[in-house]
Amino acid sequence: PGDHVSWECSSSSQIESPMMLKDVLDQRLSPSRLHFRDAQDVVL
């Protein structure tokens, strides 16, 4: 996850990331085609 972890660990960071979850998921599996149950599990 790289930079996403660095953002979380920095308590002084106030920058709101506009990044969406679907954009950081593994694109090789086409996140937009996630089945409903798989989507529930991934979000959790």
All heavy atoms as atom14 arrays in JSON, in Angstrom:
{
  "sequence": "PGDHVSWECSSSSQIESPMMLKDVLDQRLSPSRLHFRDAQDVVL",
  "atom14_mask": [
    [1, 1, 1, 1, 1, 1, 1, 0, 0, 0, 0, 0, 0, 0],
    [1, 1, 1, 1, 0, 0, 0, 0, 0, 0, 0, 0, 0, 0],
    [1, 1, 1, 1, 1, 1, 1, 1, 0, 0, 0, 0, 0, 0],
    [1, 1, 1, 1, 1, 1, 1, 1, 1, 1, 0, 0, 0, 0],
    [1, 1, 1, 1, 1, 1, 1, 0, 0, 0, 0, 0, 0, 0],
    [1, 1, 1, 1, 1, 1, 0, 0, 0, 0, 0, 0, 0, 0],
    [1, 1, 1, 1, 1, 1, 1, 1, 1, 1, 1, 1, 1, 1],
    [1, 1, 1, 1, 1, 1, 1, 1, 1, 0, 0, 0, 0, 0],
    [1, 1, 1, 1, 1, 1, 0, 0, 0, 0, 0, 0, 0, 0],
    [1, 1, 1, 1, 1, 1, 0, 0, 0, 0, 0, 0, 0, 0],
    [1, 1, 1, 1, 1, 1, 0, 0, 0, 0, 0, 0, 0, 0],
    [1, 1, 1, 1, 1, 1, 0, 0, 0, 0, 0, 0, 0, 0],
    [1, 1, 1, 1, 1, 1, 0, 0, 0, 0, 0, 0, 0, 0],
    [1, 1, 1, 1, 1, 1, 1, 1, 1, 0, 0, 0, 0, 0],
    [1, 1, 1, 1, 1, 1, 1, 1, 0, 0, 0, 0, 0, 0],
    [1, 1, 1, 1, 1, 1, 1, 1, 1, 0, 0, 0, 0, 0],
    [1, 1, 1, 1, 1, 1, 0, 0, 0, 0, 0, 0, 0, 0],
    [1, 1, 1, 1, 1, 1, 1, 0, 0, 0, 0, 0, 0, 0],
    [1, 1, 1, 1, 1, 1, 1, 1, 0, 0, 0, 0, 0, 0],
    [1, 1, 1, 1, 1, 1, 1, 1, 0, 0, 0, 0, 0, 0],
    [1, 1, 1, 1, 1, 1, 1, 1, 0, 0, 0, 0, 0, 0],
    [1, 1, 1, 1, 1, 1, 1, 1, 1, 0, 0, 0, 0, 0],
    [1, 1, 1, 1, 1, 1, 1, 1, 0, 0, 0, 0, 0, 0],
    [1, 1, 1, 1, 1, 1, 1, 0, 0, 0, 0, 0, 0, 0],
    [1, 1, 1, 1, 1, 1, 1, 1, 0, 0, 0, 0, 0, 0],
    [1, 1, 1, 1, 1, 1, 1, 1, 0, 0, 0, 0, 0, 0],
    [1, 1, 1, 1, 1, 1, 1, 1, 1, 0, 0, 0, 0, 0],
    [1, 1, 1, 1, 1, 1, 1, 1, 1, 1, 1, 0, 0, 0],
    [1, 1, 1, 1, 1, 1, 1, 1, 0, 0, 0, 0, 0, 0],
    [1, 1, 1, 1, 1, 1, 0, 0, 0, 0, 0, 0, 0, 0],
    [1, 1, 1, 1, 1, 1, 1, 0, 0, 0, 0, 0, 0, 0],
    [1, 1, 1, 1, 1, 1, 0, 0, 0, 0, 0, 0, 0, 0],
    [1, 1, 1, 1, 1, 1, 1, 1, 1, 1, 1, 0, 0, 0],
    [1, 1, 1, 1, 1, 1, 1, 1, 0, 0, 0, 0, 0, 0],
    [1, 1, 1, 1, 1, 1, 1, 1, 1, 1, 0, 0, 0, 0],
    [1, 1, 1, 1, 1, 1, 1, 1, 1, 1, 1, 0, 0, 0],
    [1, 1, 1, 1, 1, 1, 1, 1, 1, 1, 1, 0, 0, 0],
    [1, 1, 1, 1, 1, 1, 1, 1, 0, 0, 0, 0, 0, 0],
    [1, 1, 1, 1, 1, 0, 0, 0, 0, 0, 0, 0, 0, 0],
    [1, 1, 1, 1, 1, 1, 1, 1, 1, 0, 0, 0, 0, 0],
    [1, 1, 1, 1, 1, 1, 1, 1, 0, 0, 0, 0, 0, 0],
    [1, 1, 1, 1, 1, 1, 1, 0, 0, 0, 0, 0, 0, 0],
    [1, 1, 1, 1, 1, 1, 1, 0, 0, 0, 0, 0, 0, 0],
    [1, 1, 1, 1, 1, 1, 1, 1, 0, 0, 0, 0, 0, 0]
  ],
  "atom14_positions": [
    [[0.8, -1.23, 0.0], [0.0, 0.0, 0.0], [0.83, 1.27, 0.0], [0.33, 2.34, -0.39], [-0.83, -0.12, 1.29], [-0.13, -1.13, 2.12], [0.53, -2.07, 1.17], [0.0, 0.0, 0.0], [0.0, 0.0, 0.0], [0.0, 0.0, 0.0], [0.0, 0.0, 0.0], [0.0, 0.0, 0.0], [0.0, 0.0, 0.0], [0.0, 0.0, 0.0]],
    [[2.08, 1.2, 0.43], [3.01, 2.33, 0.29], [2.51, 3.64, 0.86], [2.35, 3.8, 2.07], [0.0, 0.0, 0.0], [0.0, 0.0, 0.0], [0.0, 0.0, 0.0], [0.0, 0.0, 0.0], [0.0, 0.0, 0.0], [0.0, 0.0, 0.0], [0.0, 0.0, 0.0], [0.0, 0.0, 0.0], [0.0, 0.0, 0.0], [0.0, 0.0, 0.0]],
    [[2.25, 4.63, -0.02], [1.9, 5.99, 0.4], [0.63, 6.03, 1.23], [0.47, 6.92, 2.08], [1.75, 6.9, -0.82], [3.06, 7.08, -1.57], [4.12, 6.87, -0.93], [3.02, 7.41, -2.76], [0.0, 0.0, 0.0], [0.0, 0.0, 0.0], [0.0, 0.0, 0.0], [0.0, 0.0, 0.0], [0.0, 0.0, 0.0], [0.0, 0.0, 0.0]],
    [[-0.29, 5.11, 1.01], [-1.53, 5.11, 1.78], [-1.24, 4.84, 3.25], [-1.91, 5.37, 4.14], [-2.49, 4.07, 1.22], [-2.75, 4.24, -0.25], [-3.33, 5.38, -0.77], [-2.5, 3.43, -1.31], [-3.43, 5.26, -2.1], [-2.92, 4.08, -2.44], [0.0, 0.0, 0.0], [0.0, 0.0, 0.0], [0.0, 0.0, 0.0], [0.0, 0.0, 0.0]],
    [[-0.23, 4.01, 3.51], [0.17, 3.74, 4.89], [0.87, 4.93, 5.48], [0.65, 5.31, 6.64], [1.07, 2.49, 4.95], [1.54, 2.24, 6.38], [0.35, 1.29, 4.4], [0.0, 0.0, 0.0], [0.0, 0.0, 0.0], [0.0, 0.0, 0.0], [0.0, 0.0, 0.0], [0.0, 0.0, 0.0], [0.0, 0.0, 0.0], [0.0, 0.0, 0.0]],
    [[1.74, 5.59, 4.7], [2.46, 6.76, 5.18], [1.49, 7.86, 5.57], [1.66, 8.55, 6.57], [3.42, 7.27, 4.09], [4.34, 6.26, 3.74], [0.0, 0.0, 0.0], [0.0, 0.0, 0.0], [0.0, 0.0, 0.0], [0.0, 0.0, 0.0], [0.0, 0.0, 0.0], [0.0, 0.0, 0.0], [0.0, 0.0, 0.0], [0.0, 0.0, 0.0]],
    [[0.44, 8.01, 4.79], [-0.59, 9.02, 5.12], [-1.22, 8.71, 6.45], [-1.41, 9.57, 7.29], [-1.65, 9.02, 4.02], [-2.65, 10.16, 4.13], [-2.62, 11.33, 3.44], [-3.81, 10.21, 4.97], [-3.69, 12.11, 3.8], [-4.44, 11.45, 4.74], [-4.38, 9.35, 5.9], [-5.6, 11.83, 5.4], [-5.53, 9.72, 6.56], [-6.14, 10.95, 6.31]],
    [[-1.52, 7.42, 6.68], [-2.19, 7.03, 7.91], [-1.3, 7.23, 9.13], [-1.75, 7.63, 10.2], [-2.6, 5.55, 7.83], [-3.31, 5.03, 9.06], [-4.59, 5.76, 9.35], [-5.24, 6.21, 8.39], [-4.95, 5.9, 10.53], [0.0, 0.0, 0.0], [0.0, 0.0, 0.0], [0.0, 0.0, 0.0], [0.0, 0.0, 0.0], [0.0, 0.0, 0.0]],
    [[0.0, 6.96, 8.97], [0.9, 7.03, 10.11], [1.25, 8.46, 10.47], [1.76, 8.74, 11.55], [2.18, 6.25, 9.82], [1.91, 4.47, 9.69], [0.0, 0.0, 0.0], [0.0, 0.0, 0.0], [0.0, 0.0, 0.0], [0.0, 0.0, 0.0], [0.0, 0.0, 0.0], [0.0, 0.0, 0.0], [0.0, 0.0, 0.0], [0.0, 0.0, 0.0]],
    [[1.04, 9.37, 9.58], [1.38, 10.77, 9.84], [0.21, 11.46, 10.52], [-0.8, 11.76, 9.9], [1.72, 11.47, 8.52], [1.96, 12.83, 8.75], [0.0, 0.0, 0.0], [0.0, 0.0, 0.0], [0.0, 0.0, 0.0], [0.0, 0.0, 0.0], [0.0, 0.0, 0.0], [0.0, 0.0, 0.0], [0.0, 0.0, 0.0], [0.0, 0.0, 0.0]],
    [[0.35, 11.7, 11.81], [-0.75, 12.32, 12.56], [-0.91, 13.79, 12.22], [-1.95, 14.39, 12.48], [-0.48, 12.17, 14.06], [0.75, 12.76, 14.4], [0.0, 0.0, 0.0], [0.0, 0.0, 0.0], [0.0, 0.0, 0.0], [0.0, 0.0, 0.0], [0.0, 0.0, 0.0], [0.0, 0.0, 0.0], [0.0, 0.0, 0.0], [0.0, 0.0, 0.0]],
    [[0.14, 14.4, 11.65], [0.09, 15.81, 11.33], [-0.51, 16.08, 9.96], [-0.77, 17.23, 9.6], [1.5, 16.41, 11.4], [2.34, 15.77, 10.44], [0.0, 0.0, 0.0], [0.0, 0.0, 0.0], [0.0, 0.0, 0.0], [0.0, 0.0, 0.0], [0.0, 0.0, 0.0], [0.0, 0.0, 0.0], [0.0, 0.0, 0.0], [0.0, 0.0, 0.0]],
    [[-0.73, 15.03, 9.19], [-1.25, 15.22, 7.83], [-2.71, 15.63, 7.89], [-3.53, 14.98, 8.51], [-1.09, 13.93, 7.03], [-1.66, 14.11, 5.75], [0.0, 0.0, 0.0], [0.0, 0.0, 0.0], [0.0, 0.0, 0.0], [0.0, 0.0, 0.0], [0.0, 0.0, 0.0], [0.0, 0.0, 0.0], [0.0, 0.0, 0.0], [0.0, 0.0, 0.0]],
    [[-3.02, 16.7, 7.22], [-4.41, 17.18, 7.17], [-4.96, 17.15, 5.75], [-6.05, 17.63, 5.49], [-4.48, 18.63, 7.71], [-3.96, 18.76, 9.14], [-4.84, 18.01, 10.14], [-6.05, 17.85, 9.93], [-4.23, 17.52, 11.21], [0.0, 0.0, 0.0], [0.0, 0.0, 0.0], [0.0, 0.0, 0.0], [0.0, 0.0, 0.0], [0.0, 0.0, 0.0]],
    [[-4.18, 16.59, 4.85], [-4.6, 16.56, 3.45], [-5.65, 15.5, 3.26], [-5.46, 14.35, 3.64], [-3.39, 16.28, 2.52], [-2.33, 17.36, 2.72], [-3.84, 16.21, 1.07], [-1.07, 17.1, 1.94], [0.0, 0.0, 0.0], [0.0, 0.0, 0.0], [0.0, 0.0, 0.0], [0.0, 0.0, 0.0], [0.0, 0.0, 0.0], [0.0, 0.0, 0.0]],
    [[-6.75, 15.86, 2.72], [-7.82, 14.91, 2.47], [-7.58, 14.25, 1.11], [-7.56, 14.92, 0.09], [-9.18, 15.61, 2.49], [-9.55, 16.14, 3.86], [-10.98, 16.64, 3.89], [-11.65, 16.52, 2.84], [-11.42, 17.13, 4.93], [0.0, 0.0, 0.0], [0.0, 0.0, 0.0], [0.0, 0.0, 0.0], [0.0, 0.0, 0.0], [0.0, 0.0, 0.0]],
    [[-7.41, 12.97, 1.12], [-7.14, 12.26, -0.12], [-8.44, 12.01, -0.87], [-9.39, 11.48, -0.31], [-6.45, 10.93, 0.18], [-6.35, 10.17, -0.99], [0.0, 0.0, 0.0], [0.0, 0.0, 0.0], [0.0, 0.0, 0.0], [0.0, 0.0, 0.0], [0.0, 0.0, 0.0], [0.0, 0.0, 0.0], [0.0, 0.0, 0.0], [0.0, 0.0, 0.0]],
    [[-8.46, 12.39, -2.13], [-9.68, 12.12, -2.91], [-9.7, 10.72, -3.49], [-10.59, 10.37, -4.26], [-9.58, 13.17, -4.03], [-8.09, 13.31, -4.25], [-7.45, 13.11, -2.9], [0.0, 0.0, 0.0], [0.0, 0.0, 0.0], [0.0, 0.0, 0.0], [0.0, 0.0, 0.0], [0.0, 0.0, 0.0], [0.0, 0.0, 0.0], [0.0, 0.0, 0.0]],
    [[-8.69, 9.92, -3.14], [-8.57, 8.59, -3.72], [-9.75, 7.72, -3.32], [-10.14, 7.67, -2.15], [-7.26, 7.94, -3.26], [-6.96, 6.61, -3.94], [-6.54, 6.81, -5.67], [-4.97, 7.65, -5.54], [0.0, 0.0, 0.0], [0.0, 0.0, 0.0], [0.0, 0.0, 0.0], [0.0, 0.0, 0.0], [0.0, 0.0, 0.0], [0.0, 0.0, 0.0]],
    [[-10.32, 7.03, -4.29], [-11.44, 6.13, -4.04], [-10.91, 4.7, -3.87], [-9.9, 4.32, -4.47], [-12.44, 6.18, -5.19], [-12.91, 7.59, -5.53], [-13.69, 8.43, -4.13], [-15.22, 7.48, -4.0], [0.0, 0.0, 0.0], [0.0, 0.0, 0.0], [0.0, 0.0, 0.0], [0.0, 0.0, 0.0], [0.0, 0.0, 0.0], [0.0, 0.0, 0.0]],
    [[-11.65, 3.92, -3.1], [-11.22, 2.55, -2.83], [-11.13, 1.74, -4.12], [-10.17, 0.97, -4.32], [-12.19, 1.88, -1.85], [-11.93, 0.39, -1.57], [-10.56, 0.2, -0.95], [-13.02, -0.18, -0.66], [0.0, 0.0, 0.0], [0.0, 0.0, 0.0], [0.0, 0.0, 0.0], [0.0, 0.0, 0.0], [0.0, 0.0, 0.0], [0.0, 0.0, 0.0]],
    [[-12.09, 1.9, -5.0], [-12.12, 1.11, -6.24], [-10.9, 1.38, -7.12], [-10.49, 0.52, -7.92], [-13.39, 1.42, -7.03], [-13.5, 2.84, -7.54], [-14.78, 3.06, -8.32], [-14.87, 4.5, -8.82], [-13.8, 4.84, -9.78], [0.0, 0.0, 0.0], [0.0, 0.0, 0.0], [0.0, 0.0, 0.0], [0.0, 0.0, 0.0], [0.0, 0.0, 0.0]],
    [[-10.28, 2.57, -6.94], [-9.13, 2.93, -7.77], [-7.82, 2.33, -7.26], [-6.85, 2.27, -8.02], [-9.0, 4.45, -7.84], [-10.18, 5.1, -8.54], [-10.76, 4.44, -9.44], [-10.55, 6.22, -8.17], [0.0, 0.0, 0.0], [0.0, 0.0, 0.0], [0.0, 0.0, 0.0], [0.0, 0.0, 0.0], [0.0, 0.0, 0.0], [0.0, 0.0, 0.0]],
    [[-7.79, 1.91, -6.0], [-6.55, 1.35, -5.46], [-6.61, -0.17, -5.37], [-5.6, -0.82, -5.07], [-6.23, 1.93, -4.07], [-6.05, 3.43, -4.15], [-7.31, 1.56, -3.07], [0.0, 0.0, 0.0], [0.0, 0.0, 0.0], [0.0, 0.0, 0.0], [0.0, 0.0, 0.0], [0.0, 0.0, 0.0], [0.0, 0.0, 0.0], [0.0, 0.0, 0.0]],
    [[-7.78, -0.75, -5.63], [-7.87, -2.2, -5.65], [-7.13, -2.76, -6.86], [-6.88, -2.04, -7.83], [-9.33, -2.65, -5.67], [-10.18, -2.3, -4.44], [-11.62, -2.76, -4.64], [-9.59, -2.91, -3.17], [0.0, 0.0, 0.0], [0.0, 0.0, 0.0], [0.0, 0.0, 0.0], [0.0, 0.0, 0.0], [0.0, 0.0, 0.0], [0.0, 0.0, 0.0]],
    [[-6.77, -4.03, -6.8], [-6.02, -4.66, -7.88], [-6.82, -4.58, -9.18], [-7.85, -5.24, -9.34], [-5.74, -6.12, -7.51], [-4.66, -6.74, -8.4], [-4.42, -6.21, -9.49], [-4.06, -7.75, -7.97], [0.0, 0.0, 0.0], [0.0, 0.0, 0.0], [0.0, 0.0, 0.0], [0.0, 0.0, 0.0], [0.0, 0.0, 0.0], [0.0, 0.0, 0.0]],
    [[-6.33, -3.77, -10.11], [-7.06, -3.53, -11.37], [-7.02, -4.74, -12.28], [-7.81, -4.83, -13.24], [-6.45, -2.32, -12.08], [-6.52, -1.03, -11.27], [-7.95, -0.64, -10.91], [-8.82, -0.58, -11.78], [-8.18, -0.37, -9.62], [0.0, 0.0, 0.0], [0.0, 0.0, 0.0], [0.0, 0.0, 0.0], [0.0, 0.0, 0.0], [0.0, 0.0, 0.0]],
    [[-6.15, -5.7, -12.01], [-6.1, -6.9, -12.84], [-7.34, -7.77, -12.68], [-7.62, -8.64, -13.51], [-4.84, -7.71, -12.49], [-3.55, -7.02, -12.86], [-2.33, -7.73, -12.29], [-2.29, -7.68, -10.83], [-1.26, -8.12, -10.11], [-0.2, -8.64, -10.72], [-1.28, -8.04, -8.79], [0.0, 0.0, 0.0], [0.0, 0.0, 0.0], [0.0, 0.0, 0.0]],
    [[-8.1, -7.54, -11.61], [-9.33, -8.31, -11.37], [-10.59, -7.51, -11.64], [-11.69, -7.91, -11.25], [-9.36, -8.82, -9.92], [-8.3, -9.84, -9.53], [-8.53, -10.32, -8.11], [-8.32, -11.03, -10.49], [0.0, 0.0, 0.0], [0.0, 0.0, 0.0], [0.0, 0.0, 0.0], [0.0, 0.0, 0.0], [0.0, 0.0, 0.0], [0.0, 0.0, 0.0]],
    [[-10.43, -6.33, -12.29], [-11.58, -5.49, -12.65], [-12.48, -5.23, -11.45], [-13.56, -5.82, -11.31], [-12.4, -6.15, -13.78], [-11.6, -6.4, -14.91], [0.0, 0.0, 0.0], [0.0, 0.0, 0.0], [0.0, 0.0, 0.0], [0.0, 0.0, 0.0], [0.0, 0.0, 0.0], [0.0, 0.0, 0.0], [0.0, 0.0, 0.0], [0.0, 0.0, 0.0]],
    [[-12.08, -4.34, -10.52], [-12.88, -4.08, -9.33], [-14.3, -3.63, -9.63], [-15.21, -3.85, -8.83], [-12.08, -2.96, -8.63], [-10.69, -3.1, -9.15], [-10.82, -3.6, -10.54], [0.0, 0.0, 0.0], [0.0, 0.0, 0.0], [0.0, 0.0, 0.0], [0.0, 0.0, 0.0], [0.0, 0.0, 0.0], [0.0, 0.0, 0.0], [0.0, 0.0, 0.0]],
    [[-14.51, -3.0, -10.79], [-15.86, -2.53, -11.12], [-16.83, -3.68, -11.34], [-18.05, -3.48, -11.3], [-15.81, -1.65, -12.38], [-15.29, -2.39, -13.48], [0.0, 0.0, 0.0], [0.0, 0.0, 0.0], [0.0, 0.0, 0.0], [0.0, 0.0, 0.0], [0.0, 0.0, 0.0], [0.0, 0.0, 0.0], [0.0, 0.0, 0.0], [0.0, 0.0, 0.0]],
    [[-16.3, -4.88, -11.55], [-17.16, -6.05, -11.77], [-17.26, -6.94, -10.53], [-17.62, -8.11, -10.63], [-16.62, -6.87, -12.94], [-16.61, -6.09, -14.27], [-16.1, -6.97, -15.4], [-16.03, -6.24, -16.65], [-15.58, -6.76, -17.8], [-15.16, -8.03, -17.82], [-15.55, -6.03, -18.89], [0.0, 0.0, 0.0], [0.0, 0.0, 0.0], [0.0, 0.0, 0.0]],
    [[-16.93, -6.39, -9.39], [-16.99, -7.17, -8.15], [-18.43, -7.61, -7.87], [-19.37, -6.82, -7.97], [-16.52, -6.31, -6.99], [-15.07, -6.51, -6.51], [-14.71, -5.44, -5.5], [-14.89, -7.87, -5.91], [0.0, 0.0, 0.0], [0.0, 0.0, 0.0], [0.0, 0.0, 0.0], [0.0, 0.0, 0.0], [0.0, 0.0, 0.0], [0.0, 0.0, 0.0]],
    [[-18.59, -8.88, -7.53], [-19.9, -9.35, -7.1], [-20.25, -8.69, -5.77], [-19.38, -8.27, -5.01], [-19.88, -10.87, -6.95], [-19.68, -11.59, -8.24], [-20.57, -11.52, -9.28], [-18.65, -12.38, -8.67], [-20.12, -12.24, -10.29], [-18.95, -12.77, -9.94], [0.0, 0.0, 0.0], [0.0, 0.0, 0.0], [0.0, 0.0, 0.0], [0.0, 0.0, 0.0]],
    [[-21.54, -8.63, -5.48], [-22.0, -7.9, -4.29], [-21.37, -8.46, -3.02], [-20.9, -7.7, -2.17], [-23.52, -7.98, -4.2], [-24.1, -7.21, -3.05], [-24.14, -5.83, -3.07], [-24.58, -7.88, -1.93], [-24.65, -5.11, -1.99], [-25.1, -7.17, -0.85], [-25.14, -5.78, -0.89], [0.0, 0.0, 0.0], [0.0, 0.0, 0.0], [0.0, 0.0, 0.0]],
    [[-21.35, -9.8, -2.89], [-20.79, -10.39, -1.68], [-19.31, -10.14, -1.58], [-18.79, -9.83, -0.49], [-21.08, -11.89, -1.66], [-20.55, -12.57, -0.41], [-21.06, -13.97, -0.28], [-20.59, -14.6, 0.95], [-20.95, -15.81, 1.37], [-21.8, -16.53, 0.66], [-20.48, -16.3, 2.49], [0.0, 0.0, 0.0], [0.0, 0.0, 0.0], [0.0, 0.0, 0.0]],
    [[-18.58, -10.26, -2.71], [-17.14, -9.98, -2.69], [-16.89, -8.51, -2.33], [-15.93, -8.19, -1.62], [-16.52, -10.31, -4.04], [-16.48, -11.82, -4.3], [-16.51, -12.58, -3.32], [-16.44, -12.22, -5.48], [0.0, 0.0, 0.0], [0.0, 0.0, 0.0], [0.0, 0.0, 0.0], [0.0, 0.0, 0.0], [0.0, 0.0, 0.0], [0.0, 0.0, 0.0]],
    [[-17.75, -7.63, -2.85], [-17.59, -6.21, -2.53], [-17.76, -5.96, -1.04], [-17.01, -5.17, -0.43], [-18.61, -5.39, -3.33], [0.0, 0.0, 0.0], [0.0, 0.0, 0.0], [0.0, 0.0, 0.0], [0.0, 0.0, 0.0], [0.0, 0.0, 0.0], [0.0, 0.0, 0.0], [0.0, 0.0, 0.0], [0.0, 0.0, 0.0], [0.0, 0.0, 0.0]],
    [[-18.73, -6.62, -0.42], [-18.91, -6.5, 1.03], [-17.66, -6.93, 1.77], [-17.2, -6.24, 2.7], [-20.11, -7.35, 1.48], [-21.47, -6.83, 1.05], [-22.6, -7.73, 1.51], [-22.46, -8.95, 1.48], [-23.69, -7.15, 1.93], [0.0, 0.0, 0.0], [0.0, 0.0, 0.0], [0.0, 0.0, 0.0], [0.0, 0.0, 0.0], [0.0, 0.0, 0.0]],
    [[-17.1, -8.06, 1.37], [-15.91, -8.58, 2.05], [-14.71, -7.66, 1.86], [-13.95, -7.41, 2.8], [-15.58, -9.98, 1.52], [-16.62, -11.03, 1.93], [-17.25, -10.85, 2.98], [-16.8, -12.01, 1.2], [0.0, 0.0, 0.0], [0.0, 0.0, 0.0], [0.0, 0.0, 0.0], [0.0, 0.0, 0.0], [0.0, 0.0, 0.0], [0.0, 0.0, 0.0]],
    [[-14.52, -7.15, 0.65], [-13.38, -6.28, 0.37], [-13.47, -4.99, 1.17], [-12.47, -4.51, 1.73], [-13.29, -5.99, -1.15], [-12.29, -4.88, -1.42], [-12.89, -7.25, -1.91], [0.0, 0.0, 0.0], [0.0, 0.0, 0.0], [0.0, 0.0, 0.0], [0.0, 0.0, 0.0], [0.0, 0.0, 0.0], [0.0, 0.0, 0.0], [0.0, 0.0, 0.0]],
    [[-14.65, -4.39, 1.23], [-14.82, -3.15, 2.01], [-14.55, -3.41, 3.49], [-13.89, -2.62, 4.16], [-16.25, -2.58, 1.81], [-16.5, -1.43, 2.78], [-16.43, -2.11, 0.37], [0.0, 0.0, 0.0], [0.0, 0.0, 0.0], [0.0, 0.0, 0.0], [0.0, 0.0, 0.0], [0.0, 0.0, 0.0], [0.0, 0.0, 0.0], [0.0, 0.0, 0.0]],
    [[-15.06, -4.52, 4.01], [-14.82, -4.87, 5.41], [-13.33, -5.05, 5.68], [-12.8, -4.58, 6.69], [-15.59, -6.14, 5.78], [-15.35, -6.69, 7.2], [-15.77, -5.66, 8.24], [-16.09, -8.0, 7.4], [0.0, 0.0, 0.0], [0.0, 0.0, 0.0], [0.0, 0.0, 0.0], [0.0, 0.0, 0.0], [0.0, 0.0, 0.0], [0.0, 0.0, 0.0]]
  ]
}
